[in-house]
Amino acid sequence: MEKITKAKLLRELLYYVVICGFLAVVNWVTSPGTWWVLWVLGGWGVILLLQLGEWLIGREEK
């Protein structure tokens, strides 16, 4: 498993914002009554929180 660095974490956050923003627009245009994009935001958000925790723990061990 590769080590989480600050740069990798920031890159992942940028991907999250850009892709989820795009998907939110697609969701709004195609089916505004059903917000399926919330599942993507939540699932991917949990993964980002886990990566953040791993990075913070790794910093404390140094």
N, C-alpha and C. Protein backbone atom coordinates (compact mmCIF):
# COMPACT_ATOMS: atom_id res chain seq x y z
N MET A 1 0.85 -1.18 0.00
CA MET A 1 0.00 0.00 0.00
C MET A 1 0.89 1.24 0.00
N GLU A 2 0.54 2.19 -0.83
CA GLU A 2 1.39 3.37 -0.93
C GLU A 2 1.07 4.38 0.18
N LYS A 3 2.10 5.12 0.58
CA LYS A 3 1.97 6.07 1.67
C LYS A 3 1.20 7.30 1.19
N ILE A 4 0.33 7.80 2.06
CA ILE A 4 -0.45 9.00 1.75
C ILE A 4 0.42 10.23 2.06
N THR A 5 0.62 11.08 1.06
CA THR A 5 1.35 12.32 1.27
C THR A 5 0.37 13.49 1.19
N LYS A 6 0.84 14.63 1.63
CA LYS A 6 -0.01 15.83 1.58
C LYS A 6 -0.39 16.14 0.14
N ALA A 7 0.55 16.03 -0.77
CA ALA A 7 0.29 16.33 -2.18
C ALA A 7 -0.76 15.37 -2.75
N LYS A 8 -0.63 14.08 -2.41
CA LYS A 8 -1.60 13.09 -2.90
C LYS A 8 -2.99 13.37 -2.33
N LEU A 9 -3.05 13.72 -1.07
CA LEU A 9 -4.33 14.02 -0.43
C LEU A 9 -4.99 15.25 -1.07
N LEU A 10 -4.22 16.28 -1.33
CA LEU A 10 -4.77 17.48 -1.97
C LEU A 10 -5.22 17.19 -3.40
N ARG A 11 -4.46 16.35 -4.11
CA ARG A 11 -4.85 15.97 -5.47
C ARG A 11 -6.16 15.20 -5.46
N GLU A 12 -6.30 14.26 -4.52
CA GLU A 12 -7.54 13.50 -4.39
C GLU A 12 -8.72 14.41 -4.06
N LEU A 13 -8.50 15.41 -3.20
CA LEU A 13 -9.55 16.37 -2.85
C LEU A 13 -9.96 17.19 -4.07
N LEU A 14 -8.99 17.59 -4.87
CA LEU A 14 -9.30 18.34 -6.09
C LEU A 14 -10.12 17.49 -7.05
N TYR A 15 -9.74 16.22 -7.23
CA TYR A 15 -10.52 15.31 -8.07
C TYR A 15 -11.96 15.20 -7.56
N TYR A 16 -12.09 15.06 -6.25
CA TYR A 16 -13.41 14.92 -5.61
C TYR A 16 -14.28 16.13 -5.93
N VAL A 17 -13.74 17.32 -5.74
CA VAL A 17 -14.52 18.55 -5.95
C VAL A 17 -14.92 18.70 -7.42
N VAL A 18 -13.98 18.49 -8.32
CA VAL A 18 -14.25 18.69 -9.75
C VAL A 18 -15.24 17.63 -10.27
N ILE A 19 -14.98 16.38 -9.99
CA ILE A 19 -15.84 15.32 -10.52
C ILE A 19 -17.22 15.35 -9.88
N CYS A 20 -17.28 15.52 -8.57
CA CYS A 20 -18.60 15.57 -7.91
C CYS A 20 -19.37 16.82 -8.31
N GLY A 21 -18.68 17.92 -8.54
CA GLY A 21 -19.34 19.12 -9.04
C GLY A 21 -19.95 18.87 -10.41
N PHE A 22 -19.18 18.23 -11.29
CA PHE A 22 -19.69 17.89 -12.61
C PHE A 22 -20.90 16.95 -12.52
N LEU A 23 -20.79 15.93 -11.67
CA LEU A 23 -21.89 14.99 -11.52
C LEU A 23 -23.13 15.66 -10.92
N ALA A 24 -22.94 16.63 -10.04
CA ALA A 24 -24.08 17.35 -9.47
C ALA A 24 -24.80 18.14 -10.55
N VAL A 25 -24.04 18.74 -11.45
CA VAL A 25 -24.66 19.48 -12.56
C VAL A 25 -25.42 18.51 -13.47
N VAL A 26 -24.81 17.38 -13.79
CA VAL A 26 -25.48 16.37 -14.63
C VAL A 26 -26.76 15.90 -13.95
N ASN A 27 -26.69 15.64 -12.65
CA ASN A 27 -27.86 15.19 -11.89
C ASN A 27 -28.95 16.26 -11.92
N TRP A 28 -28.58 17.50 -11.72
CA TRP A 28 -29.55 18.61 -11.69
C TRP A 28 -30.24 18.78 -13.04
N VAL A 29 -29.47 18.61 -14.13
CA VAL A 29 -30.02 18.79 -15.47
C VAL A 29 -30.91 17.60 -15.87
N THR A 30 -30.47 16.39 -15.55
CA THR A 30 -31.18 15.21 -16.04
C THR A 30 -32.32 14.74 -15.15
N SER A 31 -32.15 14.82 -13.84
CA SER A 31 -33.19 14.33 -12.93
C SER A 31 -33.16 15.11 -11.61
N PRO A 32 -33.64 16.36 -11.63
CA PRO A 32 -33.55 17.21 -10.43
C PRO A 32 -34.39 16.71 -9.26
N GLY A 33 -35.33 15.83 -9.48
CA GLY A 33 -36.16 15.33 -8.38
C GLY A 33 -35.51 14.20 -7.60
N THR A 34 -34.50 13.56 -8.19
CA THR A 34 -33.81 12.44 -7.55
C THR A 34 -32.33 12.78 -7.46
N TRP A 35 -31.84 12.97 -6.26
CA TRP A 35 -30.44 13.38 -6.08
C TRP A 35 -29.54 12.18 -5.82
N TRP A 36 -29.30 11.38 -6.87
CA TRP A 36 -28.44 10.21 -6.77
C TRP A 36 -26.99 10.60 -6.52
N VAL A 37 -26.63 11.83 -6.85
CA VAL A 37 -25.24 12.27 -6.67
C VAL A 37 -24.84 12.27 -5.20
N LEU A 38 -25.82 12.31 -4.29
CA LEU A 38 -25.50 12.28 -2.86
C LEU A 38 -24.82 10.97 -2.46
N TRP A 39 -25.15 9.87 -3.14
CA TRP A 39 -24.50 8.59 -2.86
C TRP A 39 -23.02 8.65 -3.24
N VAL A 40 -22.73 9.31 -4.36
CA VAL A 40 -21.34 9.46 -4.80
C VAL A 40 -20.59 10.35 -3.81
N LEU A 41 -21.20 11.49 -3.46
CA LEU A 41 -20.58 12.41 -2.52
C LEU A 41 -20.28 11.73 -1.19
N GLY A 42 -21.24 10.98 -0.68
CA GLY A 42 -21.07 10.32 0.60
C GLY A 42 -20.03 9.21 0.57
N GLY A 43 -20.13 8.34 -0.41
CA GLY A 43 -19.19 7.22 -0.51
C GLY A 43 -17.76 7.67 -0.71
N TRP A 44 -17.56 8.56 -1.64
CA TRP A 44 -16.23 9.06 -1.92
C TRP A 44 -15.74 9.92 -0.75
N GLY A 45 -16.65 10.64 -0.12
CA GLY A 45 -16.28 11.46 1.04
C GLY A 45 -15.76 10.61 2.19
N VAL A 46 -16.37 9.45 2.42
CA VAL A 46 -15.89 8.54 3.48
C VAL A 46 -14.47 8.07 3.16
N ILE A 47 -14.22 7.75 1.91
CA ILE A 47 -12.87 7.32 1.51
C ILE A 47 -11.86 8.43 1.75
N LEU A 48 -12.23 9.68 1.40
CA LEU A 48 -11.32 10.80 1.64
C LEU A 48 -11.06 11.01 3.13
N LEU A 49 -12.08 10.86 3.95
CA LEU A 49 -11.90 11.00 5.40
C LEU A 49 -10.96 9.91 5.94
N LEU A 50 -11.08 8.70 5.43
CA LEU A 50 -10.18 7.64 5.85
C LEU A 50 -8.73 7.94 5.43
N GLN A 51 -8.56 8.47 4.23
CA GLN A 51 -7.21 8.85 3.78
C GLN A 51 -6.66 9.99 4.63
N LEU A 52 -7.51 10.94 4.98
CA LEU A 52 -7.08 12.04 5.84
C LEU A 52 -6.63 11.51 7.20
N GLY A 53 -7.41 10.60 7.75
CA GLY A 53 -7.03 9.99 9.03
C GLY A 53 -5.70 9.26 8.94
N GLU A 54 -5.51 8.51 7.87
CA GLU A 54 -4.25 7.80 7.67
C GLU A 54 -3.09 8.77 7.58
N TRP A 55 -3.28 9.88 6.87
CA TRP A 55 -2.22 10.88 6.73
C TRP A 55 -1.91 11.53 8.08
N LEU A 56 -2.95 11.88 8.85
CA LEU A 56 -2.74 12.50 10.15
C LEU A 56 -2.03 11.55 11.12
N ILE A 57 -2.40 10.29 11.11
CA ILE A 57 -1.74 9.31 11.98
C ILE A 57 -0.27 9.13 11.56
N GLY A 58 -0.03 9.11 10.27
CA GLY A 58 1.33 8.99 9.77
C GLY A 58 2.21 10.16 10.18
N ARG A 59 1.62 11.35 10.25
CA ARG A 59 2.38 12.54 10.67
C ARG A 59 2.73 12.46 12.14
N GLU A 60 1.83 11.94 12.96
CA GLU A 60 2.06 11.86 14.40
C GLU A 60 3.15 10.86 14.74
N GLU A 61 3.31 9.82 13.91
CA GLU A 61 4.29 8.78 14.18
C GLU A 61 5.72 9.24 13.92
N LYS A 62 5.89 10.31 13.19
CA LYS A 62 7.25 10.79 12.87
C LYS A 62 7.86 11.54 14.02
